[in-house]
C-alpha atoms as a PDB file:
ATOM      1  CA  MET A   1      -0.040   0.043  -0.031  1.00  0.00           C
ATOM      2  CA  ALA A   2       1.447   3.314  -1.033  1.00  0.00           C
ATOM      3  CA  LYS A   3       1.617   6.065   1.575  1.00  0.00           C
ATOM      4  CA  LYS A   4      -0.365   9.228   0.906  1.00  0.00           C
ATOM      5  CA  PRO A   5       1.924  12.252   0.338  1.00  0.00           C
ATOM      6  CA  ARG A   6       1.909  14.820   3.183  1.00  0.00           C
ATOM      7  CA  TYR A   7       2.357  18.475   2.537  1.00  0.00           C
ATOM      8  CA  PHE A   8       3.260  21.348   4.708  1.00  0.00           C
ATOM      9  CA  VAL A   9       3.836  25.060   4.382  1.00  0.00           C
ATOM     10  CA  ILE A  10       6.136  27.247   6.434  1.00  0.00           C
ATOM     11  CA  VAL A  11       4.518  30.657   7.332  1.00  0.00           C
ATOM     12  CA  ALA A  12       5.870  33.767   9.004  1.00  0.00           C
ATOM     13  CA  HIS A  13       4.878  34.211  12.598  1.00  0.00           C
ATOM     14  CA  CYS A  14       3.208  37.563  12.142  1.00  0.00           C
ATOM     15  CA  LEU A  15       0.824  36.195   9.536  1.00  0.00           C
ATOM     16  CA  LEU A  16      -0.711  33.617  11.905  1.00  0.00           C
ATOM     17  CA  ASN A  17      -0.421  35.603  15.153  1.00  0.00           C
ATOM     18  CA  PRO A  18      -1.415  39.337  14.648  1.00  0.00           C
ATOM     19  CA  SER A  19      -1.004  39.937  18.403  1.00  0.00           C
ATOM     20  CA  THR A  20       2.755  39.900  18.001  1.00  0.00           C
ATOM     21  CA  ARG A  21       2.822  42.575  15.382  1.00  0.00           C
ATOM     22  CA  VAL A  22       4.219  46.002  16.171  1.00  0.00           C
ATOM     23  CA  HIS A  23       1.583  47.942  18.133  1.00  0.00           C
ATOM     24  CA  LEU A  24       1.460  50.611  15.353  1.00  0.00           C
ATOM     25  CA  LEU A  25       0.589  48.142  12.505  1.00  0.00           C
ATOM     26  CA  GLY A  26      -2.700  47.022  14.085  1.00  0.00           C
ATOM     27  CA  ARG A  27      -4.196  43.638  14.027  1.00  0.00           C
ATOM     28  CA  ARG A  28      -5.785  41.713  11.190  1.00  0.00           C
ATOM     29  CA  TYR A  29      -7.160  38.524  12.516  1.00  0.00           C
ATOM     30  CA  ILE A  30      -9.255  37.937   9.316  1.00  0.00           C
ATOM     31  CA  VAL A  31      -6.033  37.504   7.306  1.00  0.00           C
ATOM     32  CA  ALA A  32      -4.811  34.846   9.823  1.00  0.00           C
ATOM     33  CA  GLU A  33      -8.084  33.098   9.725  1.00  0.00           C
ATOM     34  CA  LYS A  34      -8.187  32.967   6.005  1.00  0.00           C
ATOM     35  CA  ILE A  35      -4.655  31.713   5.700  1.00  0.00           C
ATOM     36  CA  CYS A  36      -5.303  28.944   8.206  1.00  0.00           C
ATOM     37  CA  ASP A  37      -8.679  28.007   6.692  1.00  0.00           C
ATOM     38  CA  PHE A  38      -7.088  27.783   3.152  1.00  0.00           C
ATOM     39  CA  PHE A  39      -4.284  25.417   4.102  1.00  0.00           C
ATOM     40  CA  LEU A  40      -6.306  23.291   6.475  1.00  0.00           C
ATOM     41  CA  SER A  41      -9.091  22.812   3.956  1.00  0.00           C
ATOM     42  CA  LYS A  42      -6.538  21.323   1.617  1.00  0.00           C
ATOM     43  CA  HIS A  43      -5.081  19.113   4.319  1.00  0.00           C
ATOM     44  CA  ILE A  44      -1.808  21.029   4.368  1.00  0.00           C
ATOM     45  CA  SER A  45       0.043  21.213   7.606  1.00  0.00           C
ATOM     46  CA  ILE A  46       1.166  24.650   8.850  1.00  0.00           C
ATOM     47  CA  ILE A  47       4.612  25.249  10.487  1.00  0.00           C
ATOM     48  CA  GLN A  48       4.822  28.631  12.155  1.00  0.00           C
ATOM     49  CA  LEU A  49       8.265  30.147  12.303  1.00  0.00           C
ATOM     50  CA  PRO A  50       9.284  31.939  15.524  1.00  0.00           C
ATOM     51  CA  CYS A  51       9.521  35.697  15.410  1.00  0.00           C
ATOM     52  CA  PRO A  52      13.090  36.816  16.391  1.00  0.00           C
ATOM     53  CA  GLU A  53      12.038  40.435  16.574  1.00  0.00           C
ATOM     54  CA  PHE A  54       9.164  39.758  18.941  1.00  0.00           C
ATOM     55  CA  THR A  55      11.287  37.350  21.061  1.00  0.00           C
ATOM     56  CA  ALA A  56      14.211  39.849  21.360  1.00  0.00           C
ATOM     57  CA  MET A  57      12.383  43.096  21.801  1.00  0.00           C
ATOM     58  CA  GLY A  58       8.861  42.317  23.010  1.00  0.00           C
ATOM     59  CA  TYR A  59       5.541  43.806  21.938  1.00  0.00           C
ATOM     60  CA  TRP A  60       6.206  47.524  22.675  1.00  0.00           C
ATOM     61  CA  ARG A  61       8.960  47.948  20.164  1.00  0.00           C
ATOM     62  CA  ASN A  62       9.565  50.338  17.215  1.00  0.00           C
ATOM     63  CA  PRO A  63       8.954  49.034  13.702  1.00  0.00           C
ATOM     64  CA  GLN A  64      12.072  47.561  12.212  1.00  0.00           C
ATOM     65  CA  GLY A  65      13.202  47.508   8.557  1.00  0.00           C
ATOM     66  CA  ARG A  66      15.999  45.791   6.680  1.00  0.00           C
ATOM     67  CA  GLN A  67      18.465  48.487   7.684  1.00  0.00           C
ATOM     68  CA  GLN A  68      18.010  47.715  11.448  1.00  0.00           C
END
């Protein structure tokens, strides 16, 4: 019997958890919900990457760009 292939997607932390975004950017829970619903409806697993910016600086941080 052949095994069914399994698929997964790696997603940025801020797309799935709007609470960790910089306080100035606001929260868009609808986007996170749509992303999860889309992949889960197709039986695709989701791997959420950790957020180094949130881990290092916490919630009350200034927005960072590539230069920082």
